[in-house]
Amino acid sequence: MSRHIIIAGVPRAGKSTISRMLSRQYGFQHISMDTIIAGFERCFPETGVNTYQGLSSLDTLRVISGKMAPFVRAMLDHSAYDPSEPGMVLDMYQLLPEDYHRYIRGADCQIAYLITSDVTPEERFLIQKRYDTEKDYTFGRSDEELLEGAEYIVEQSLLMKAQCEAYAIPYYETAHDREQAFERLLRGLRLP
């Protein structure tokens, strides 16, 4: 069993749901990387970690992933955790499989991706509406904004799927049969 788990993938695919469940049931410390990335954006703009930097959706994803992956590796390598106890479960959107492979692979962690690649943007929009909560950054946004975001999320899911296949990293499609996908993911993890 690895001390740490990364649950990566696109928004509203179930990352936080699974991460919180792992935290409650197995004692992992849940870390929302979205919160850390927001901190970088506000406090350290010189890092170039900026969700709204005027680039395309895929280019923004690539930039942030490339900058955050070495940071995640440093977090995982930190020796503050007792090796006999579960460590962290990181819930992370902006981490591409290629950057996991380049910077994080070999660390004491497991990874799984949650994506929604086999839907149209309109179907993805309905998923977003279904799973949005008041805590989500998209809550209260207009349908027009959400539909535009759905196009990006499908595009990003397709990229993540292709990279997961290229690097033999497990991924789970959650657009349909979400609960069954969660069950398969949990069976695929090595848990305490």
N, C-alpha and C. Protein backbone atom coordinates (compact mmCIF):
# COMPACT_ATOMS: atom_id res chain seq x y z
N MET A 1 0.83 -1.17 0.00
CA MET A 1 0.00 0.00 0.00
C MET A 1 0.88 1.25 0.00
N SER A 2 0.51 2.22 -0.81
CA SER A 2 1.20 3.50 -0.82
C SER A 2 0.62 4.39 0.26
N ARG A 3 1.45 5.27 0.79
CA ARG A 3 0.98 6.17 1.85
C ARG A 3 0.02 7.22 1.33
N HIS A 4 0.16 7.64 0.08
CA HIS A 4 -0.61 8.74 -0.45
C HIS A 4 -1.40 8.30 -1.68
N ILE A 5 -2.49 9.02 -1.94
CA ILE A 5 -3.33 8.76 -3.11
C ILE A 5 -3.61 10.10 -3.77
N ILE A 6 -3.53 10.13 -5.10
CA ILE A 6 -3.94 11.30 -5.86
C ILE A 6 -5.19 10.90 -6.64
N ILE A 7 -6.26 11.66 -6.47
CA ILE A 7 -7.47 11.49 -7.27
C ILE A 7 -7.51 12.71 -8.17
N ALA A 8 -7.21 12.50 -9.44
CA ALA A 8 -7.10 13.60 -10.39
C ALA A 8 -8.23 13.51 -11.41
N GLY A 9 -8.37 14.56 -12.20
CA GLY A 9 -9.37 14.54 -13.26
C GLY A 9 -10.11 15.86 -13.35
N VAL A 10 -11.22 15.83 -14.06
CA VAL A 10 -11.95 17.06 -14.39
C VAL A 10 -13.00 17.41 -13.33
N PRO A 11 -13.46 18.67 -13.32
CA PRO A 11 -14.49 19.09 -12.37
C PRO A 11 -15.78 18.28 -12.50
N ARG A 12 -16.42 18.06 -11.36
CA ARG A 12 -17.70 17.35 -11.22
C ARG A 12 -17.65 15.91 -11.73
N ALA A 13 -16.47 15.33 -11.73
CA ALA A 13 -16.35 13.91 -12.10
C ALA A 13 -16.36 13.02 -10.87
N GLY A 14 -16.29 13.60 -9.67
CA GLY A 14 -16.36 12.82 -8.44
C GLY A 14 -15.09 12.80 -7.62
N LYS A 15 -14.11 13.63 -7.95
CA LYS A 15 -12.84 13.63 -7.22
C LYS A 15 -13.01 13.92 -5.73
N SER A 16 -13.73 14.97 -5.42
CA SER A 16 -13.91 15.34 -4.01
C SER A 16 -14.74 14.30 -3.27
N THR A 17 -15.74 13.76 -3.93
CA THR A 17 -16.58 12.73 -3.30
C THR A 17 -15.73 11.54 -2.88
N ILE A 18 -14.92 11.02 -3.80
CA ILE A 18 -14.07 9.87 -3.50
C ILE A 18 -13.00 10.24 -2.47
N SER A 19 -12.39 11.41 -2.63
CA SER A 19 -11.33 11.83 -1.70
C SER A 19 -11.84 11.96 -0.28
N ARG A 20 -12.99 12.57 -0.12
CA ARG A 20 -13.56 12.71 1.23
C ARG A 20 -13.93 11.35 1.82
N MET A 21 -14.45 10.46 0.99
CA MET A 21 -14.79 9.12 1.47
C MET A 21 -13.53 8.38 1.94
N LEU A 22 -12.44 8.49 1.18
CA LEU A 22 -11.18 7.85 1.58
C LEU A 22 -10.67 8.46 2.89
N SER A 23 -10.83 9.74 3.04
CA SER A 23 -10.42 10.41 4.27
C SER A 23 -11.22 9.90 5.46
N ARG A 24 -12.53 9.84 5.31
CA ARG A 24 -13.39 9.39 6.42
C ARG A 24 -13.16 7.91 6.75
N GLN A 25 -13.13 7.06 5.74
CA GLN A 25 -13.10 5.62 6.00
C GLN A 25 -11.71 5.07 6.31
N TYR A 26 -10.66 5.70 5.77
CA TYR A 26 -9.33 5.12 5.93
C TYR A 26 -8.33 6.03 6.64
N GLY A 27 -8.74 7.23 7.00
CA GLY A 27 -7.86 8.10 7.77
C GLY A 27 -6.90 8.95 6.96
N PHE A 28 -7.02 8.98 5.65
CA PHE A 28 -6.16 9.84 4.84
C PHE A 28 -6.50 11.31 5.13
N GLN A 29 -5.49 12.17 5.09
CA GLN A 29 -5.72 13.61 5.22
C GLN A 29 -6.15 14.12 3.85
N HIS A 30 -7.34 14.70 3.74
CA HIS A 30 -7.83 15.20 2.45
C HIS A 30 -7.25 16.58 2.17
N ILE A 31 -6.60 16.70 1.02
CA ILE A 31 -6.02 17.97 0.58
C ILE A 31 -6.67 18.35 -0.74
N SER A 32 -7.33 19.51 -0.75
CA SER A 32 -7.91 20.04 -1.98
C SER A 32 -6.84 20.89 -2.67
N MET A 33 -6.31 20.40 -3.77
CA MET A 33 -5.29 21.15 -4.47
C MET A 33 -5.86 22.40 -5.13
N ASP A 34 -7.16 22.44 -5.40
CA ASP A 34 -7.78 23.66 -5.94
C ASP A 34 -7.56 24.82 -4.98
N THR A 35 -7.65 24.56 -3.68
CA THR A 35 -7.44 25.60 -2.67
C THR A 35 -5.99 26.07 -2.69
N ILE A 36 -5.07 25.14 -2.81
CA ILE A 36 -3.65 25.50 -2.85
C ILE A 36 -3.33 26.29 -4.11
N ILE A 37 -3.89 25.86 -5.24
CA ILE A 37 -3.68 26.58 -6.50
C ILE A 37 -4.24 28.00 -6.41
N ALA A 38 -5.41 28.15 -5.79
CA ALA A 38 -5.98 29.49 -5.60
C ALA A 38 -5.05 30.35 -4.75
N GLY A 39 -4.41 29.75 -3.76
CA GLY A 39 -3.43 30.48 -2.95
C GLY A 39 -2.24 30.93 -3.76
N PHE A 40 -1.73 30.06 -4.63
CA PHE A 40 -0.62 30.44 -5.51
C PHE A 40 -1.05 31.61 -6.40
N GLU A 41 -2.26 31.53 -6.96
CA GLU A 41 -2.74 32.58 -7.85
C GLU A 41 -2.78 33.94 -7.15
N ARG A 42 -3.27 33.96 -5.91
CA ARG A 42 -3.43 35.22 -5.18
C ARG A 42 -2.14 35.74 -4.57
N CYS A 43 -1.33 34.84 -4.03
CA CYS A 43 -0.16 35.28 -3.25
C CYS A 43 1.15 35.25 -4.02
N PHE A 44 1.26 34.39 -5.01
CA PHE A 44 2.53 34.24 -5.73
C PHE A 44 2.30 34.31 -7.25
N PRO A 45 1.80 35.43 -7.76
CA PRO A 45 1.53 35.52 -9.20
C PRO A 45 2.78 35.33 -10.06
N GLU A 46 3.94 35.57 -9.47
CA GLU A 46 5.19 35.40 -10.22
C GLU A 46 5.43 33.95 -10.63
N THR A 47 4.73 32.99 -10.01
CA THR A 47 4.90 31.59 -10.39
C THR A 47 4.27 31.26 -11.74
N GLY A 48 3.36 32.13 -12.20
CA GLY A 48 2.67 31.85 -13.46
C GLY A 48 1.51 30.89 -13.32
N VAL A 49 1.18 30.51 -12.08
CA VAL A 49 0.02 29.66 -11.83
C VAL A 49 -1.19 30.58 -11.82
N ASN A 50 -1.94 30.56 -12.93
CA ASN A 50 -3.07 31.47 -13.09
C ASN A 50 -4.10 30.83 -14.01
N THR A 51 -5.25 30.55 -13.47
CA THR A 51 -6.32 29.91 -14.23
C THR A 51 -6.86 30.83 -15.31
N TYR A 52 -6.75 32.13 -15.11
CA TYR A 52 -7.33 33.10 -16.05
C TYR A 52 -6.22 33.94 -16.70
N GLN A 53 -5.33 33.27 -17.42
CA GLN A 53 -4.20 33.98 -18.00
C GLN A 53 -4.35 34.24 -19.49
N GLY A 54 -5.55 34.04 -20.04
CA GLY A 54 -5.80 34.38 -21.43
C GLY A 54 -5.37 33.32 -22.43
N LEU A 55 -4.99 32.16 -21.95
CA LEU A 55 -4.62 31.05 -22.84
C LEU A 55 -5.84 30.18 -23.12
N SER A 56 -5.70 29.28 -24.06
CA SER A 56 -6.77 28.32 -24.31
C SER A 56 -6.92 27.42 -23.08
N SER A 57 -8.03 26.73 -23.02
CA SER A 57 -8.30 25.81 -21.91
C SER A 57 -7.18 24.77 -21.78
N LEU A 58 -6.80 24.16 -22.88
CA LEU A 58 -5.75 23.12 -22.82
C LEU A 58 -4.40 23.71 -22.47
N ASP A 59 -4.07 24.88 -23.01
CA ASP A 59 -2.78 25.49 -22.69
C ASP A 59 -2.71 25.91 -21.22
N THR A 60 -3.81 26.44 -20.68
CA THR A 60 -3.85 26.78 -19.26
C THR A 60 -3.65 25.53 -18.42
N LEU A 61 -4.33 24.46 -18.77
CA LEU A 61 -4.17 23.19 -18.06
C LEU A 61 -2.72 22.72 -18.10
N ARG A 62 -2.09 22.80 -19.27
CA ARG A 62 -0.70 22.37 -19.40
C ARG A 62 0.25 23.21 -18.54
N VAL A 63 0.06 24.53 -18.56
CA VAL A 63 0.94 25.42 -17.78
C VAL A 63 0.82 25.11 -16.29
N ILE A 64 -0.42 25.08 -15.78
CA ILE A 64 -0.60 24.87 -14.34
C ILE A 64 -0.14 23.47 -13.94
N SER A 65 -0.45 22.48 -14.73
CA SER A 65 -0.02 21.11 -14.42
C SER A 65 1.51 21.03 -14.36
N GLY A 66 2.18 21.63 -15.32
CA GLY A 66 3.64 21.58 -15.35
C GLY A 66 4.30 22.28 -14.18
N LYS A 67 3.62 23.30 -13.65
CA LYS A 67 4.17 24.02 -12.50
C LYS A 67 3.81 23.35 -11.17
N MET A 68 2.62 22.76 -11.10
CA MET A 68 2.18 22.17 -9.83
C MET A 68 2.71 20.75 -9.60
N ALA A 69 2.99 20.01 -10.65
CA ALA A 69 3.46 18.63 -10.47
C ALA A 69 4.73 18.54 -9.63
N PRO A 70 5.76 19.36 -9.87
CA PRO A 70 6.94 19.29 -8.99
C PRO A 70 6.62 19.67 -7.54
N PHE A 71 5.69 20.61 -7.37
CA PHE A 71 5.26 20.99 -6.02
C PHE A 71 4.58 19.81 -5.33
N VAL A 72 3.72 19.11 -6.03
CA VAL A 72 3.05 17.94 -5.47
C VAL A 72 4.09 16.88 -5.09
N ARG A 73 5.08 16.68 -5.95
CA ARG A 73 6.14 15.71 -5.64
C ARG A 73 6.85 16.08 -4.34
N ALA A 74 7.13 17.36 -4.16
CA ALA A 74 7.78 17.81 -2.92
C ALA A 74 6.90 17.55 -1.71
N MET A 75 5.58 17.76 -1.86
CA MET A 75 4.66 17.47 -0.76
C MET A 75 4.69 15.98 -0.41
N LEU A 76 4.68 15.14 -1.43
CA LEU A 76 4.65 13.69 -1.22
C LEU A 76 5.95 13.17 -0.61
N ASP A 77 7.05 13.80 -0.97
CA ASP A 77 8.36 13.35 -0.47
C ASP A 77 8.68 13.87 0.92
N HIS A 78 7.90 14.81 1.43
CA HIS A 78 8.14 15.37 2.76
C HIS A 78 8.04 14.25 3.78
N SER A 79 8.91 14.23 4.73
CA SER A 79 9.00 13.10 5.67
C SER A 79 8.18 13.29 6.94
N ALA A 80 7.22 14.20 6.95
CA ALA A 80 6.45 14.47 8.18
C ALA A 80 5.46 13.36 8.51
N TYR A 81 5.18 12.48 7.56
CA TYR A 81 4.17 11.45 7.79
C TYR A 81 4.81 10.16 8.30
N ASP A 82 4.17 9.56 9.26
CA ASP A 82 4.58 8.25 9.79
C ASP A 82 4.30 7.22 8.70
N PRO A 83 5.32 6.49 8.26
CA PRO A 83 5.12 5.53 7.17
C PRO A 83 4.12 4.42 7.49
N SER A 84 3.82 4.21 8.76
CA SER A 84 2.86 3.16 9.10
C SER A 84 1.42 3.66 9.07
N GLU A 85 1.22 4.96 8.89
CA GLU A 85 -0.12 5.57 8.85
C GLU A 85 -0.44 6.03 7.43
N PRO A 86 -1.73 6.04 7.08
CA PRO A 86 -2.09 6.62 5.78
C PRO A 86 -1.69 8.08 5.76
N GLY A 87 -1.30 8.56 4.62
CA GLY A 87 -0.89 9.95 4.49
C GLY A 87 -2.00 10.82 3.94
N MET A 88 -1.77 11.36 2.75
CA MET A 88 -2.70 12.31 2.16
C MET A 88 -3.48 11.67 1.01
N VAL A 89 -4.68 12.19 0.81
CA VAL A 89 -5.39 11.95 -0.45
C VAL A 89 -5.53 13.34 -1.07
N LEU A 90 -4.89 13.52 -2.23
CA LEU A 90 -4.92 14.80 -2.92
C LEU A 90 -5.99 14.76 -3.99
N ASP A 91 -6.85 15.74 -3.95
CA ASP A 91 -7.96 15.91 -4.87
C ASP A 91 -7.51 17.01 -5.83
N MET A 92 -7.22 16.66 -7.11
CA MET A 92 -6.54 17.62 -7.99
C MET A 92 -7.08 17.60 -9.40
N TYR A 93 -7.48 18.76 -9.86
CA TYR A 93 -7.96 18.92 -11.23
C TYR A 93 -6.80 19.13 -12.19
N GLN A 94 -5.96 20.08 -11.95
CA GLN A 94 -4.99 20.50 -12.95
C GLN A 94 -3.67 19.74 -12.84
N LEU A 95 -3.75 18.44 -13.13
CA LEU A 95 -2.57 17.58 -13.18
C LEU A 95 -2.73 16.63 -14.37
N LEU A 96 -1.94 16.83 -15.39
CA LEU A 96 -2.00 15.95 -16.55
C LEU A 96 -1.22 14.67 -16.29
N PRO A 97 -1.66 13.56 -16.87
CA PRO A 97 -0.92 12.31 -16.72
C PRO A 97 0.54 12.40 -17.14
N GLU A 98 0.83 13.18 -18.18
CA GLU A 98 2.23 13.30 -18.62
C GLU A 98 3.09 13.96 -17.54
N ASP A 99 2.51 14.91 -16.80
CA ASP A 99 3.27 15.55 -15.73
C ASP A 99 3.35 14.66 -14.49
N TYR A 100 2.32 13.88 -14.23
CA TYR A 100 2.43 12.87 -13.18
C TYR A 100 3.59 11.92 -13.52
N HIS A 101 3.62 11.45 -14.76
CA HIS A 101 4.66 10.52 -15.20
C HIS A 101 6.05 11.16 -15.09
N ARG A 102 6.17 12.40 -15.50
CA ARG A 102 7.46 13.09 -15.54
C ARG A 102 7.97 13.44 -14.13
N TYR A 103 7.09 13.92 -13.25
CA TYR A 103 7.54 14.48 -11.98
C TYR A 103 7.20 13.64 -10.74
N ILE A 104 6.11 12.90 -10.78
CA ILE A 104 5.60 12.29 -9.55
C ILE A 104 5.76 10.78 -9.53
N ARG A 105 5.70 10.14 -10.67
CA ARG A 105 5.82 8.68 -10.73
C ARG A 105 7.04 8.23 -9.92
N GLY A 106 6.87 7.21 -9.15
CA GLY A 106 7.96 6.73 -8.29
C GLY A 106 7.86 7.23 -6.86
N ALA A 107 7.02 8.23 -6.64
CA ALA A 107 6.77 8.70 -5.27
C ALA A 107 5.90 7.66 -4.57
N ASP A 108 5.81 7.77 -3.28
CA ASP A 108 5.05 6.81 -2.48
C ASP A 108 3.55 7.14 -2.59
N CYS A 109 2.98 6.93 -3.80
CA CYS A 109 1.57 7.26 -4.00
C CYS A 109 0.96 6.40 -5.11
N GLN A 110 -0.36 6.38 -5.08
CA GLN A 110 -1.17 5.79 -6.14
C GLN A 110 -1.93 6.93 -6.80
N ILE A 111 -2.35 6.73 -8.04
CA ILE A 111 -3.12 7.76 -8.73
C ILE A 111 -4.24 7.12 -9.52
N ALA A 112 -5.33 7.84 -9.64
CA ALA A 112 -6.44 7.45 -10.50
C ALA A 112 -7.08 8.73 -11.04
N TYR A 113 -7.52 8.68 -12.28
CA TYR A 113 -8.17 9.82 -12.92
C TYR A 113 -9.66 9.56 -13.06
N LEU A 114 -10.44 10.61 -12.84
CA LEU A 114 -11.88 10.59 -13.07
C LEU A 114 -12.17 11.58 -14.20
N ILE A 115 -12.78 11.10 -15.27
CA ILE A 115 -13.01 11.92 -16.45
C ILE A 115 -14.44 11.76 -16.95
N THR A 116 -14.82 12.64 -17.87
CA THR A 116 -16.13 12.55 -18.54
C THR A 116 -15.89 12.81 -20.02
N SER A 117 -15.33 11.83 -20.69
CA SER A 117 -14.92 12.00 -22.09
C SER A 117 -15.92 11.47 -23.10
N ASP A 118 -16.85 10.62 -22.69
CA ASP A 118 -17.73 10.00 -23.68
C ASP A 118 -19.12 10.64 -23.71
N VAL A 119 -19.14 11.97 -23.57
CA VAL A 119 -20.38 12.73 -23.64
C VAL A 119 -20.19 13.94 -24.55
N THR A 120 -21.29 14.49 -24.99
CA THR A 120 -21.25 15.74 -25.73
C THR A 120 -21.14 16.89 -24.72
N PRO A 121 -20.75 18.07 -25.18
CA PRO A 121 -20.73 19.21 -24.26
C PRO A 121 -22.10 19.47 -23.62
N GLU A 122 -23.17 19.24 -24.36
CA GLU A 122 -24.50 19.45 -23.81
C GLU A 122 -24.79 18.45 -22.69
N GLU A 123 -24.38 17.19 -22.88
CA GLU A 123 -24.56 16.19 -21.82
C GLU A 123 -23.68 16.53 -20.62
N ARG A 124 -22.46 17.01 -20.88
CA ARG A 124 -21.54 17.39 -19.80
C ARG A 124 -22.11 18.57 -19.00
N PHE A 125 -22.75 19.49 -19.69
CA PHE A 125 -23.42 20.62 -19.05
C PHE A 125 -24.46 20.13 -18.05
N LEU A 126 -25.24 19.12 -18.43
CA LEU A 126 -26.26 18.57 -17.53
C LEU A 126 -25.63 17.90 -16.32
N ILE A 127 -24.48 17.25 -16.51
CA ILE A 127 -23.74 16.65 -15.38
C ILE A 127 -23.31 17.76 -14.42
N GLN A 128 -22.78 18.84 -14.98
CA GLN A 128 -22.34 19.98 -14.16
C GLN A 128 -23.51 20.51 -13.33
N LYS A 129 -24.64 20.70 -13.97
CA LYS A 129 -25.82 21.22 -13.27
C LYS A 129 -26.26 20.26 -12.16
N ARG A 130 -26.17 18.97 -12.43
CA ARG A 130 -26.62 17.97 -11.48
C ARG A 130 -25.76 17.93 -10.22
N TYR A 131 -24.45 18.07 -10.38
CA TYR A 131 -23.53 17.88 -9.25
C TYR A 131 -22.98 19.17 -8.67
N ASP A 132 -23.31 20.33 -9.24
CA ASP A 132 -22.86 21.60 -8.67
C ASP A 132 -23.48 21.81 -7.29
N THR A 133 -22.67 22.27 -6.37
CA THR A 133 -23.16 22.63 -5.04
C THR A 133 -22.76 24.06 -4.74
N GLU A 134 -23.28 24.62 -3.69
CA GLU A 134 -22.96 26.00 -3.31
C GLU A 134 -21.48 26.20 -3.04
N LYS A 135 -20.76 25.12 -2.76
CA LYS A 135 -19.32 25.22 -2.48
C LYS A 135 -18.47 25.29 -3.74
N ASP A 136 -19.06 24.97 -4.90
CA ASP A 136 -18.29 24.91 -6.14
C ASP A 136 -18.16 26.28 -6.79
N TYR A 137 -17.01 26.52 -7.40
CA TYR A 137 -16.76 27.82 -8.02
C TYR A 137 -17.74 28.11 -9.16
N THR A 138 -18.34 27.11 -9.72
CA THR A 138 -19.26 27.30 -10.84
C THR A 138 -20.70 27.53 -10.39
N PHE A 139 -20.97 27.36 -9.12
CA PHE A 139 -22.34 27.50 -8.63
C PHE A 139 -22.84 28.93 -8.88
N GLY A 140 -24.01 29.05 -9.46
CA GLY A 140 -24.59 30.36 -9.72
C GLY A 140 -24.16 30.99 -11.03
N ARG A 141 -23.27 30.32 -11.76
CA ARG A 141 -22.89 30.87 -13.06
C ARG A 141 -24.02 30.64 -14.06
N SER A 142 -24.03 31.44 -15.08
CA SER A 142 -25.09 31.34 -16.08
C SER A 142 -24.97 30.04 -16.87
N ASP A 143 -26.08 29.61 -17.42
CA ASP A 143 -26.07 28.41 -18.26
C ASP A 143 -25.12 28.58 -19.44
N GLU A 144 -25.04 29.79 -19.98
CA GLU A 144 -24.12 30.05 -21.10
C GLU A 144 -22.67 29.80 -20.69
N GLU A 145 -22.28 30.30 -19.51
CA GLU A 145 -20.92 30.08 -19.00
C GLU A 145 -20.67 28.59 -18.75
N LEU A 146 -21.65 27.92 -18.16
CA LEU A 146 -21.48 26.49 -17.86
C LEU A 146 -21.38 25.66 -19.13
N LEU A 147 -22.15 26.02 -20.15
CA LEU A 147 -22.07 25.27 -21.41
C LEU A 147 -20.71 25.46 -22.08
N GLU A 148 -20.19 26.68 -22.03
CA GLU A 148 -18.85 26.92 -22.57
C GLU A 148 -17.82 26.11 -21.79
N GLY A 149 -17.94 26.11 -20.47
CA GLY A 149 -17.03 25.31 -19.64
C GLY A 149 -17.15 23.83 -19.92
N ALA A 150 -18.36 23.36 -20.24
CA ALA A 150 -18.57 21.94 -20.54
C ALA A 150 -17.78 21.53 -21.78
N GLU A 151 -17.69 22.41 -22.75
CA GLU A 151 -16.89 22.12 -23.94
C GLU A 151 -15.43 21.90 -23.56
N TYR A 152 -14.92 22.77 -22.69
CA TYR A 152 -13.53 22.64 -22.25
C TYR A 152 -13.31 21.36 -21.46
N ILE A 153 -14.27 21.02 -20.61
CA ILE A 153 -14.12 19.84 -19.77
C ILE A 153 -14.11 18.55 -20.61
N VAL A 154 -14.94 18.49 -21.63
CA VAL A 154 -14.91 17.32 -22.52
C VAL A 154 -13.56 17.26 -23.23
N GLU A 155 -13.09 18.41 -23.73
CA GLU A 155 -11.79 18.48 -24.41
C GLU A 155 -10.67 18.02 -23.47
N GLN A 156 -10.69 18.50 -22.24
CA GLN A 156 -9.66 18.12 -21.28
C GLN A 156 -9.75 16.64 -20.90
N SER A 157 -10.97 16.13 -20.79
CA SER A 157 -11.17 14.71 -20.49
C SER A 157 -10.57 13.83 -21.58
N LEU A 158 -10.77 14.22 -22.82
CA LEU A 158 -10.22 13.44 -23.95
C LEU A 158 -8.69 13.44 -23.90
N LEU A 159 -8.09 14.59 -23.57
CA LEU A 159 -6.64 14.66 -23.45
C LEU A 159 -6.15 13.78 -22.30
N MET A 160 -6.81 13.87 -21.15
CA MET A 160 -6.40 13.05 -19.99
C MET A 160 -6.54 11.56 -20.30
N LYS A 161 -7.62 11.19 -20.97
CA LYS A 161 -7.82 9.78 -21.33
C LYS A 161 -6.69 9.29 -22.23
N ALA A 162 -6.36 10.06 -23.26
CA ALA A 162 -5.29 9.66 -24.18
C ALA A 162 -3.96 9.53 -23.45
N GLN A 163 -3.67 10.47 -22.54
CA GLN A 163 -2.41 10.39 -21.80
C GLN A 163 -2.41 9.25 -20.79
N CYS A 164 -3.55 9.00 -20.15
CA CYS A 164 -3.62 7.85 -19.23
C CYS A 164 -3.34 6.56 -19.99
N GLU A 165 -3.92 6.42 -21.16
CA GLU A 165 -3.67 5.22 -21.96
C GLU A 165 -2.21 5.13 -22.37
N ALA A 166 -1.60 6.25 -22.75
CA ALA A 166 -0.19 6.25 -23.17
C ALA A 166 0.75 5.87 -22.03
N TYR A 167 0.42 6.26 -20.79
CA TYR A 167 1.30 6.01 -19.65
C TYR A 167 0.79 4.90 -18.74
N ALA A 168 -0.22 4.18 -19.16
CA ALA A 168 -0.80 3.08 -18.38
C ALA A 168 -1.20 3.52 -16.97
N ILE A 169 -1.89 4.64 -16.90
CA ILE A 169 -2.39 5.18 -15.64
C ILE A 169 -3.89 4.90 -15.58
N PRO A 170 -4.40 4.40 -14.47
CA PRO A 170 -5.84 4.07 -14.40
C PRO A 170 -6.72 5.31 -14.48
N TYR A 171 -7.79 5.17 -15.26
CA TYR A 171 -8.79 6.24 -15.34
C TYR A 171 -10.17 5.61 -15.34
N TYR A 172 -11.14 6.41 -14.91
CA TYR A 172 -12.51 5.93 -14.76
C TYR A 172 -13.45 6.97 -15.34
N GLU A 173 -14.30 6.54 -16.24
CA GLU A 173 -15.30 7.38 -16.88
C GLU A 173 -16.50 7.47 -15.95
N THR A 174 -16.85 8.69 -15.53
CA THR A 174 -17.94 8.84 -14.57
C THR A 174 -19.18 9.53 -15.14
N ALA A 175 -19.21 9.75 -16.45
CA ALA A 175 -20.37 10.42 -17.04
C ALA A 175 -21.62 9.54 -16.97
N HIS A 176 -21.43 8.24 -17.08
CA HIS A 176 -22.53 7.28 -17.00
C HIS A 176 -22.16 6.27 -15.92
N ASP A 177 -23.12 5.77 -15.21
CA ASP A 177 -22.87 4.75 -14.18
C ASP A 177 -21.78 5.20 -13.20
N ARG A 178 -21.94 6.38 -12.69
CA ARG A 178 -20.97 7.00 -11.79
C ARG A 178 -20.65 6.13 -10.58
N GLU A 179 -21.68 5.59 -9.93
CA GLU A 179 -21.44 4.78 -8.73
C GLU A 179 -20.64 3.52 -9.05
N GLN A 180 -20.90 2.89 -10.20
CA GLN A 180 -20.14 1.71 -10.59
C GLN A 180 -18.68 2.08 -10.88
N ALA A 181 -18.47 3.25 -11.48
CA ALA A 181 -17.10 3.71 -11.72
C ALA A 181 -16.37 3.93 -10.39
N PHE A 182 -17.07 4.50 -9.41
CA PHE A 182 -16.47 4.69 -8.09
C PHE A 182 -16.09 3.33 -7.48
N GLU A 183 -16.96 2.36 -7.59
CA GLU A 183 -16.68 1.02 -7.04
C GLU A 183 -15.46 0.41 -7.71
N ARG A 184 -15.35 0.54 -9.03
CA ARG A 184 -14.19 0.00 -9.74
C ARG A 184 -12.91 0.71 -9.29
N LEU A 185 -12.99 2.03 -9.13
CA LEU A 185 -11.82 2.79 -8.68
C LEU A 185 -11.38 2.29 -7.30
N LEU A 186 -12.31 2.15 -6.38
CA LEU A 186 -11.96 1.71 -5.03
C LEU A 186 -11.37 0.30 -5.04
N ARG A 187 -11.90 -0.58 -5.88
CA ARG A 187 -11.33 -1.93 -5.99
C ARG A 187 -9.92 -1.89 -6.56
N GLY A 188 -9.63 -0.89 -7.40
CA GLY A 188 -8.32 -0.78 -8.03
C GLY A 188 -7.24 -0.20 -7.12
N LEU A 189 -7.65 0.48 -6.05
CA LEU A 189 -6.68 1.05 -5.13
C LEU A 189 -6.22 0.01 -4.12
N ARG A 190 -4.99 0.15 -3.66
CA ARG A 190 -4.48 -0.69 -2.58
C ARG A 190 -4.71 0.08 -1.29
N LEU A 191 -5.73 -0.32 -0.54
CA LEU A 191 -6.14 0.42 0.66
C LEU A 191 -5.79 -0.35 1.92
N PRO A 192 -5.68 0.37 3.06
CA PRO A 192 -5.32 -0.30 4.31
C PRO A 192 -6.38 -1.30 4.74
